[in-house]
C-alpha atoms as a PDB file:
ATOM      1  CA  UNK A   1      49.792  16.222  19.728  1.00  0.00           C
ATOM      2  CA  UNK A   2      52.649  18.561  20.598  1.00  0.00           C
ATOM      3  CA  UNK A   3      50.220  21.317  21.632  1.00  0.00           C
ATOM      4  CA  UNK A   4      48.163  18.974  23.832  1.00  0.00           C
ATOM      5  CA  UNK A   5      51.306  17.615  25.466  1.00  0.00           C
ATOM      6  CA  UNK A   6      52.457  21.199  26.108  1.00  0.00           C
ATOM      7  CA  UNK A   7      49.277  22.295  27.903  1.00  0.00           C
ATOM      8  CA  UNK A   8      48.687  19.029  29.756  1.00  0.00           C
ATOM      9  CA  UNK A   9      50.509  16.294  31.623  1.00  0.00           C
ATOM     10  CA  UNK A  10      50.841  12.904  29.980  1.00  0.00           C
ATOM     11  CA  UNK A  11      51.991  11.023  26.934  1.00  0.00           C
ATOM     12  CA  UNK A  12      48.967  11.708  24.768  1.00  0.00           C
ATOM     13  CA  UNK A  13      50.704  10.552  21.605  1.00  0.00           C
ATOM     14  CA  UNK A  14      50.978   7.009  22.951  1.00  0.00           C
ATOM     15  CA  UNK A  15      47.206   6.777  23.562  1.00  0.00           C
ATOM     16  CA  UNK A  16      45.524   4.405  21.165  1.00  0.00           C
ATOM     17  CA  UNK A  17      42.697   5.983  19.124  1.00  0.00           C
ATOM     18  CA  UNK A  18      39.416   5.731  21.027  1.00  0.00           C
ATOM     19  CA  UNK A  19      41.070   5.746  24.455  1.00  0.00           C
ATOM     20  CA  UNK A  20      41.127   8.441  27.140  1.00  0.00           C
ATOM     21  CA  UNK A  21      43.232   9.567  30.048  1.00  0.00           C
ATOM     22  CA  UNK A  22      42.792  11.839  33.019  1.00  0.00           C
ATOM     23  CA  UNK A  23      45.202  14.774  32.986  1.00  0.00           C
ATOM     24  CA  UNK A  24      45.733  18.338  34.216  1.00  0.00           C
ATOM     25  CA  UNK A  25      46.551  21.665  32.547  1.00  0.00           C
ATOM     26  CA  UNK A  26      49.656  23.366  33.899  1.00  0.00           C
ATOM     27  CA  UNK A  27      50.947  26.913  34.080  1.00  0.00           C
ATOM     28  CA  UNK A  28      54.513  27.613  32.926  1.00  0.00           C
ATOM     29  CA  UNK A  29      55.711  27.240  36.525  1.00  0.00           C
ATOM     30  CA  UNK A  30      53.915  23.859  36.916  1.00  0.00           C
ATOM     31  CA  UNK A  31      50.878  25.113  38.812  1.00  0.00           C
ATOM     32  CA  UNK A  32      47.636  23.249  38.123  1.00  0.00           C
ATOM     33  CA  UNK A  33      44.987  25.219  36.232  1.00  0.00           C
ATOM     34  CA  UNK A  34      42.330  22.520  35.812  1.00  0.00           C
ATOM     35  CA  UNK A  35      41.850  18.807  35.381  1.00  0.00           C
ATOM     36  CA  UNK A  36      40.594  17.263  32.154  1.00  0.00           C
ATOM     37  CA  UNK A  37      39.769  14.065  30.338  1.00  0.00           C
ATOM     38  CA  UNK A  38      41.622  13.782  27.041  1.00  0.00           C
ATOM     39  CA  UNK A  39      40.432  11.369  24.351  1.00  0.00           C
ATOM     40  CA  UNK A  40      42.458  10.575  21.269  1.00  0.00           C
ATOM     41  CA  UNK A  41      40.567   9.836  18.079  1.00  0.00           C
ATOM     42  CA  UNK A  42      42.034   9.001  14.671  1.00  0.00           C
ATOM     43  CA  UNK A  43      42.366  12.576  13.439  1.00  0.00           C
ATOM     44  CA  UNK A  44      41.766  14.835  16.465  1.00  0.00           C
ATOM     45  CA  UNK A  45      41.634  15.129  20.233  1.00  0.00           C
ATOM     46  CA  UNK A  46      38.595  15.653  22.471  1.00  0.00           C
ATOM     47  CA  UNK A  47      38.997  17.243  25.882  1.00  0.00           C
ATOM     48  CA  UNK A  48      36.384  17.537  28.590  1.00  0.00           C
ATOM     49  CA  UNK A  49      37.086  20.394  30.982  1.00  0.00           C
ATOM     50  CA  UNK A  50      35.241  21.602  34.062  1.00  0.00           C
ATOM     51  CA  UNK A  51      32.349  23.836  33.083  1.00  0.00           C
ATOM     52  CA  UNK A  52      33.178  26.423  35.726  1.00  0.00           C
ATOM     53  CA  UNK A  53      36.725  26.788  34.338  1.00  0.00           C
ATOM     54  CA  UNK A  54      36.099  26.504  30.612  1.00  0.00           C
ATOM     55  CA  UNK A  55      36.759  30.163  29.768  1.00  0.00           C
ATOM     56  CA  UNK A  56      39.945  30.214  31.871  1.00  0.00           C
ATOM     57  CA  UNK A  57      41.080  27.059  30.061  1.00  0.00           C
ATOM     58  CA  UNK A  58      40.341  28.531  26.621  1.00  0.00           C
ATOM     59  CA  UNK A  59      42.286  31.693  27.477  1.00  0.00           C
ATOM     60  CA  UNK A  60      45.204  29.537  28.593  1.00  0.00           C
ATOM     61  CA  UNK A  61      45.067  27.567  25.311  1.00  0.00           C
ATOM     62  CA  UNK A  62      45.058  30.796  23.290  1.00  0.00           C
ATOM     63  CA  UNK A  63      48.053  32.139  25.229  1.00  0.00           C
ATOM     64  CA  UNK A  64      50.063  28.937  24.743  1.00  0.00           C
ATOM     65  CA  UNK A  65      49.126  28.831  21.070  1.00  0.00           C
ATOM     66  CA  UNK A  66      50.239  32.439  20.509  1.00  0.00           C
ATOM     67  CA  UNK A  67      53.472  32.019  22.473  1.00  0.00           C
ATOM     68  CA  UNK A  68      54.687  28.609  21.275  1.00  0.00           C
ATOM     69  CA  UNK A  69      52.590  27.522  18.272  1.00  0.00           C
ATOM     70  CA  UNK A  70      51.915  30.695  16.277  1.00  0.00           C
ATOM     71  CA  UNK A  71      53.390  29.235  13.095  1.00  0.00           C
ATOM     72  CA  UNK A  72      52.029  25.710  13.516  1.00  0.00           C
ATOM     73  CA  UNK A  73      48.720  24.165  12.459  1.00  0.00           C
ATOM     74  CA  UNK A  74      46.901  24.208  15.810  1.00  0.00           C
ATOM     75  CA  UNK A  75      43.193  24.873  16.177  1.00  0.00           C
ATOM     76  CA  UNK A  76      40.560  24.122  18.757  1.00  0.00           C
ATOM     77  CA  UNK A  77      36.804  24.417  18.889  1.00  0.00           C
ATOM     78  CA  UNK A  78      34.583  25.006  21.900  1.00  0.00           C
ATOM     79  CA  UNK A  79      31.520  22.759  21.531  1.00  0.00           C
ATOM     80  CA  UNK A  80      29.075  24.550  23.793  1.00  0.00           C
ATOM     81  CA  UNK A  81      26.103  22.510  22.574  1.00  0.00           C
ATOM     82  CA  UNK A  82      27.492  19.234  23.966  1.00  0.00           C
ATOM     83  CA  UNK A  83      26.634  18.778  27.626  1.00  0.00           C
ATOM     84  CA  UNK A  84      28.228  16.118  29.798  1.00  0.00           C
ATOM     85  CA  UNK A  85      26.884  14.484  32.893  1.00  0.00           C
ATOM     86  CA  UNK A  86      29.529  13.009  35.198  1.00  0.00           C
ATOM     87  CA  UNK A  87      28.166  10.253  37.408  1.00  0.00           C
END
């Protein structure tokens, strides 16, 4: 939760399992990198990012993880085989 709340805007911890929120990823100086939908499940978080920005987002996650969470249990997985159609 702490990692997600560091890279995004919002109180993700207060989301009930199975619910989602619209959010954005921020740079250290509060610039917007991308928007996202964050869903809290019982034991993990799902995020849907814009396909055109996915590699930029992953690089940002890696940088934040290395800088602030190197000694903590934080992992993420890119699920490239799961397409999404936004209507």
